[in-house]
Amino acid sequence: MSQWYPLCELNQILPATGVCAMVAGKQIAIFRPQDDEQLFALSNIDPFAEAGVLSRGIIAEHQQALWVASPLKKQRFRLSDGLCLEDETRSIASYPVRVHLGWVEVCT
């Protein structure tokens, strides 16, 4: 059964950045591309480097979609669904995320 987990207040995530949270035993990267309530949640584990680093990646736009580039090997993952641009077989998990009463919540 899925459950919503409160993580932090929205204003604790700066626009154009990502943060990492441990949720139900999983490292989840939360991205806030702009100064609004639009958020994305992906696995924080870079499948190419096998390291928890994606929350520190660079957010960019490519082909009219938002992506995060791994800070290690530079592969790009689409924020909306975790698709890997360079290798679809290495795509990562994405999670529902929302702002509820000013708090960021992730569902696993």
N, C-alpha and C. Protein backbone atom coordinates (compact mmCIF):
# COMPACT_ATOMS: atom_id res chain seq x y z
N MET A 1 0.84 -1.17 0.00
CA MET A 1 0.00 0.00 0.00
C MET A 1 0.89 1.24 0.00
N SER A 2 0.53 2.24 -0.78
CA SER A 2 1.32 3.46 -0.85
C SER A 2 0.98 4.39 0.32
N GLN A 3 1.95 5.22 0.67
CA GLN A 3 1.80 6.13 1.80
C GLN A 3 2.50 7.44 1.48
N TRP A 4 1.90 8.56 1.90
CA TRP A 4 2.52 9.88 1.74
C TRP A 4 3.40 10.16 2.95
N TYR A 5 4.64 10.61 2.69
CA TYR A 5 5.60 10.94 3.74
C TYR A 5 5.93 12.43 3.69
N PRO A 6 5.71 13.17 4.78
CA PRO A 6 6.11 14.58 4.81
C PRO A 6 7.63 14.68 4.94
N LEU A 7 8.24 15.57 4.14
CA LEU A 7 9.71 15.67 4.13
C LEU A 7 10.22 16.98 4.73
N CYS A 8 9.72 18.09 4.22
CA CYS A 8 10.19 19.40 4.66
C CYS A 8 9.21 20.45 4.18
N GLU A 9 9.39 21.66 4.63
CA GLU A 9 8.57 22.76 4.12
C GLU A 9 9.07 23.12 2.72
N LEU A 10 8.16 23.54 1.86
CA LEU A 10 8.51 23.87 0.48
C LEU A 10 9.62 24.92 0.43
N ASN A 11 9.56 25.92 1.29
CA ASN A 11 10.55 27.00 1.23
C ASN A 11 11.95 26.55 1.63
N GLN A 12 12.11 25.33 2.10
CA GLN A 12 13.43 24.80 2.42
C GLN A 12 14.15 24.23 1.20
N ILE A 13 13.44 24.12 0.07
CA ILE A 13 14.06 23.69 -1.18
C ILE A 13 14.17 24.91 -2.08
N LEU A 14 15.38 25.34 -2.33
CA LEU A 14 15.60 26.52 -3.17
C LEU A 14 15.24 26.21 -4.62
N PRO A 15 14.67 27.19 -5.32
CA PRO A 15 14.39 26.99 -6.75
C PRO A 15 15.68 26.66 -7.52
N ALA A 16 15.54 25.82 -8.55
CA ALA A 16 16.62 25.38 -9.43
C ALA A 16 17.60 24.44 -8.73
N THR A 17 17.12 23.74 -7.67
CA THR A 17 17.99 22.81 -6.97
C THR A 17 17.27 21.49 -6.70
N GLY A 18 18.03 20.55 -6.18
CA GLY A 18 17.49 19.29 -5.72
C GLY A 18 17.99 19.00 -4.32
N VAL A 19 17.25 18.19 -3.60
CA VAL A 19 17.66 17.73 -2.27
C VAL A 19 17.41 16.23 -2.20
N CYS A 20 18.05 15.58 -1.25
CA CYS A 20 17.85 14.15 -1.08
C CYS A 20 17.21 13.87 0.26
N ALA A 21 16.32 12.89 0.29
CA ALA A 21 15.68 12.45 1.54
C ALA A 21 15.64 10.93 1.56
N MET A 22 15.78 10.38 2.73
CA MET A 22 15.62 8.94 2.90
C MET A 22 14.16 8.70 3.24
N VAL A 23 13.45 7.98 2.36
CA VAL A 23 12.02 7.74 2.53
C VAL A 23 11.77 6.24 2.44
N ALA A 24 11.28 5.67 3.51
CA ALA A 24 10.98 4.23 3.55
C ALA A 24 12.16 3.40 3.04
N GLY A 25 13.36 3.78 3.46
CA GLY A 25 14.56 3.04 3.10
C GLY A 25 15.10 3.31 1.70
N LYS A 26 14.54 4.31 1.01
CA LYS A 26 14.99 4.64 -0.35
C LYS A 26 15.52 6.06 -0.38
N GLN A 27 16.63 6.26 -1.11
CA GLN A 27 17.12 7.62 -1.34
C GLN A 27 16.29 8.23 -2.47
N ILE A 28 15.60 9.32 -2.16
CA ILE A 28 14.77 9.98 -3.16
C ILE A 28 15.24 11.41 -3.34
N ALA A 29 15.46 11.80 -4.58
CA ALA A 29 15.85 13.16 -4.92
C ALA A 29 14.59 13.96 -5.25
N ILE A 30 14.45 15.11 -4.60
CA ILE A 30 13.33 16.02 -4.85
C ILE A 30 13.88 17.23 -5.59
N PHE A 31 13.29 17.55 -6.73
CA PHE A 31 13.75 18.68 -7.54
C PHE A 31 12.68 19.76 -7.60
N ARG A 32 13.13 21.01 -7.47
CA ARG A 32 12.26 22.19 -7.59
C ARG A 32 12.87 23.09 -8.66
N PRO A 33 12.47 22.89 -9.92
CA PRO A 33 13.11 23.62 -11.02
C PRO A 33 12.89 25.13 -10.99
N GLN A 34 11.72 25.58 -10.51
CA GLN A 34 11.39 27.00 -10.56
C GLN A 34 10.86 27.46 -9.21
N ASP A 35 10.61 28.75 -9.10
CA ASP A 35 10.10 29.33 -7.85
C ASP A 35 8.58 29.19 -7.81
N ASP A 36 8.11 27.96 -7.79
CA ASP A 36 6.68 27.67 -7.68
C ASP A 36 6.54 26.33 -6.96
N GLU A 37 5.37 25.74 -7.01
CA GLU A 37 5.14 24.47 -6.30
C GLU A 37 5.35 23.23 -7.17
N GLN A 38 5.86 23.40 -8.38
CA GLN A 38 6.10 22.24 -9.24
C GLN A 38 7.34 21.49 -8.72
N LEU A 39 7.15 20.23 -8.37
CA LEU A 39 8.22 19.40 -7.85
C LEU A 39 8.28 18.07 -8.61
N PHE A 40 9.43 17.43 -8.56
CA PHE A 40 9.62 16.12 -9.15
C PHE A 40 10.39 15.26 -8.16
N ALA A 41 10.11 13.98 -8.12
CA ALA A 41 10.80 13.05 -7.22
C ALA A 41 11.28 11.84 -8.02
N LEU A 42 12.58 11.59 -7.93
CA LEU A 42 13.22 10.47 -8.61
C LEU A 42 14.10 9.72 -7.63
N SER A 43 14.47 8.52 -8.01
CA SER A 43 15.50 7.82 -7.25
C SER A 43 16.76 8.68 -7.26
N ASN A 44 17.47 8.73 -6.16
CA ASN A 44 18.71 9.51 -6.08
C ASN A 44 19.91 8.72 -6.59
N ILE A 45 19.72 7.45 -6.91
CA ILE A 45 20.84 6.58 -7.29
C ILE A 45 21.10 6.66 -8.79
N ASP A 46 22.30 7.10 -9.14
CA ASP A 46 22.74 7.12 -10.54
C ASP A 46 23.06 5.68 -10.92
N PRO A 47 22.31 5.09 -11.86
CA PRO A 47 22.54 3.67 -12.20
C PRO A 47 23.85 3.42 -12.93
N PHE A 48 24.47 4.44 -13.48
CA PHE A 48 25.74 4.27 -14.19
C PHE A 48 26.91 4.25 -13.20
N ALA A 49 26.86 5.11 -12.20
CA ALA A 49 27.93 5.20 -11.21
C ALA A 49 27.61 4.41 -9.94
N GLU A 50 26.35 3.97 -9.82
CA GLU A 50 25.88 3.28 -8.62
C GLU A 50 26.17 4.09 -7.36
N ALA A 51 25.85 5.39 -7.44
CA ALA A 51 26.09 6.30 -6.33
C ALA A 51 24.87 7.20 -6.14
N GLY A 52 24.64 7.60 -4.89
CA GLY A 52 23.51 8.47 -4.56
C GLY A 52 23.86 9.94 -4.77
N VAL A 53 23.78 10.40 -6.01
CA VAL A 53 24.25 11.75 -6.34
C VAL A 53 23.29 12.60 -7.17
N LEU A 54 22.21 12.02 -7.66
CA LEU A 54 21.38 12.75 -8.63
C LEU A 54 20.80 14.05 -8.07
N SER A 55 20.54 14.12 -6.77
CA SER A 55 19.99 15.34 -6.19
C SER A 55 20.94 16.52 -6.37
N ARG A 56 22.21 16.26 -6.62
CA ARG A 56 23.21 17.32 -6.82
C ARG A 56 23.46 17.62 -8.30
N GLY A 57 22.65 17.02 -9.17
CA GLY A 57 22.83 17.22 -10.60
C GLY A 57 22.31 18.58 -11.05
N ILE A 58 22.59 18.88 -12.29
CA ILE A 58 22.17 20.14 -12.90
C ILE A 58 20.84 19.94 -13.61
N ILE A 59 19.88 20.81 -13.30
CA ILE A 59 18.57 20.77 -13.95
C ILE A 59 18.66 21.57 -15.25
N ALA A 60 18.18 20.96 -16.33
CA ALA A 60 18.23 21.62 -17.64
C ALA A 60 16.99 21.25 -18.45
N GLU A 61 16.78 21.99 -19.53
CA GLU A 61 15.67 21.68 -20.44
C GLU A 61 16.24 21.15 -21.74
N HIS A 62 15.62 20.07 -22.24
CA HIS A 62 16.02 19.46 -23.51
C HIS A 62 14.77 18.89 -24.16
N GLN A 63 14.57 19.20 -25.43
CA GLN A 63 13.40 18.72 -26.18
C GLN A 63 12.11 19.03 -25.42
N GLN A 64 12.01 20.25 -24.90
CA GLN A 64 10.83 20.76 -24.20
C GLN A 64 10.46 19.96 -22.96
N ALA A 65 11.45 19.33 -22.33
CA ALA A 65 11.22 18.60 -21.08
C ALA A 65 12.35 18.95 -20.12
N LEU A 66 12.06 18.84 -18.82
CA LEU A 66 13.07 19.09 -17.80
C LEU A 66 13.82 17.80 -17.49
N TRP A 67 15.13 17.93 -17.33
CA TRP A 67 16.01 16.80 -17.10
C TRP A 67 16.98 17.15 -15.98
N VAL A 68 17.57 16.14 -15.35
CA VAL A 68 18.68 16.36 -14.43
C VAL A 68 19.86 15.57 -14.99
N ALA A 69 21.02 16.24 -15.03
CA ALA A 69 22.24 15.59 -15.50
C ALA A 69 23.03 15.11 -14.29
N SER A 70 23.42 13.86 -14.30
CA SER A 70 24.20 13.31 -13.20
C SER A 70 25.49 14.11 -13.03
N PRO A 71 25.86 14.45 -11.79
CA PRO A 71 27.11 15.18 -11.60
C PRO A 71 28.35 14.32 -11.85
N LEU A 72 28.19 13.00 -11.96
CA LEU A 72 29.36 12.14 -12.16
C LEU A 72 29.62 11.82 -13.62
N LYS A 73 28.66 11.19 -14.27
CA LYS A 73 28.91 10.73 -15.64
C LYS A 73 28.08 11.48 -16.68
N LYS A 74 27.28 12.44 -16.22
CA LYS A 74 26.55 13.39 -17.07
C LYS A 74 25.36 12.82 -17.85
N GLN A 75 24.96 11.57 -17.59
CA GLN A 75 23.74 11.08 -18.24
C GLN A 75 22.57 11.90 -17.72
N ARG A 76 21.57 12.06 -18.60
CA ARG A 76 20.40 12.88 -18.26
C ARG A 76 19.18 12.00 -18.01
N PHE A 77 18.42 12.38 -16.97
CA PHE A 77 17.20 11.68 -16.58
C PHE A 77 16.05 12.67 -16.59
N ARG A 78 14.97 12.31 -17.28
CA ARG A 78 13.80 13.20 -17.38
C ARG A 78 13.13 13.29 -16.02
N LEU A 79 12.87 14.50 -15.56
CA LEU A 79 12.28 14.70 -14.24
C LEU A 79 10.87 14.14 -14.12
N SER A 80 10.12 14.15 -15.18
CA SER A 80 8.72 13.72 -15.10
C SER A 80 8.55 12.22 -14.89
N ASP A 81 9.53 11.41 -15.36
CA ASP A 81 9.35 9.96 -15.26
C ASP A 81 10.62 9.14 -15.08
N GLY A 82 11.79 9.78 -15.00
CA GLY A 82 13.04 9.06 -14.78
C GLY A 82 13.67 8.44 -16.00
N LEU A 83 13.11 8.68 -17.19
CA LEU A 83 13.67 8.12 -18.42
C LEU A 83 15.09 8.62 -18.63
N CYS A 84 16.01 7.71 -18.95
CA CYS A 84 17.39 8.09 -19.25
C CYS A 84 17.49 8.40 -20.74
N LEU A 85 17.95 9.60 -21.06
CA LEU A 85 18.05 10.02 -22.45
C LEU A 85 19.08 9.18 -23.22
N GLU A 86 20.16 8.83 -22.56
CA GLU A 86 21.24 8.12 -23.25
C GLU A 86 21.02 6.61 -23.34
N ASP A 87 20.26 6.04 -22.41
CA ASP A 87 20.08 4.58 -22.38
C ASP A 87 18.78 4.26 -21.63
N GLU A 88 17.70 4.01 -22.35
CA GLU A 88 16.40 3.76 -21.73
C GLU A 88 16.40 2.55 -20.80
N THR A 89 17.34 1.62 -20.98
CA THR A 89 17.40 0.47 -20.09
C THR A 89 17.93 0.83 -18.72
N ARG A 90 18.45 2.03 -18.55
CA ARG A 90 19.00 2.50 -17.28
C ARG A 90 18.12 3.58 -16.65
N SER A 91 16.87 3.67 -17.04
CA SER A 91 15.94 4.65 -16.47
C SER A 91 15.76 4.38 -14.98
N ILE A 92 15.33 5.41 -14.23
CA ILE A 92 15.21 5.28 -12.78
C ILE A 92 13.77 5.50 -12.34
N ALA A 93 13.49 5.11 -11.10
CA ALA A 93 12.14 5.23 -10.56
C ALA A 93 11.76 6.69 -10.33
N SER A 94 10.49 6.99 -10.58
CA SER A 94 9.95 8.30 -10.23
C SER A 94 8.83 8.08 -9.22
N TYR A 95 8.55 9.09 -8.42
CA TYR A 95 7.58 8.97 -7.34
C TYR A 95 6.62 10.15 -7.36
N PRO A 96 5.37 9.93 -6.96
CA PRO A 96 4.43 11.06 -6.82
C PRO A 96 4.94 11.99 -5.71
N VAL A 97 4.83 13.28 -5.96
CA VAL A 97 5.24 14.28 -4.99
C VAL A 97 4.23 15.42 -5.03
N ARG A 98 3.99 16.04 -3.88
CA ARG A 98 3.02 17.12 -3.82
C ARG A 98 3.40 18.09 -2.70
N VAL A 99 2.73 19.24 -2.72
CA VAL A 99 2.82 20.19 -1.61
C VAL A 99 1.47 20.16 -0.92
N HIS A 100 1.47 19.87 0.37
CA HIS A 100 0.25 19.79 1.15
C HIS A 100 0.43 20.64 2.40
N LEU A 101 -0.38 21.70 2.50
CA LEU A 101 -0.32 22.62 3.64
C LEU A 101 1.10 23.17 3.83
N GLY A 102 1.77 23.45 2.72
CA GLY A 102 3.11 24.03 2.76
C GLY A 102 4.23 23.05 2.92
N TRP A 103 3.89 21.75 3.07
CA TRP A 103 4.91 20.71 3.24
C TRP A 103 5.06 19.87 1.97
N VAL A 104 6.28 19.52 1.65
CA VAL A 104 6.57 18.62 0.54
C VAL A 104 6.33 17.20 1.04
N GLU A 105 5.54 16.43 0.26
CA GLU A 105 5.25 15.04 0.60
C GLU A 105 5.53 14.16 -0.60
N VAL A 106 6.09 12.97 -0.33
CA VAL A 106 6.38 11.98 -1.36
C VAL A 106 5.62 10.71 -1.05
N CYS A 107 5.15 10.07 -2.10
CA CYS A 107 4.41 8.82 -1.96
C CYS A 107 5.26 7.67 -2.48
N THR A 108 5.34 6.60 -1.66
CA THR A 108 6.09 5.42 -2.13
C THR A 108 5.15 4.23 -2.19
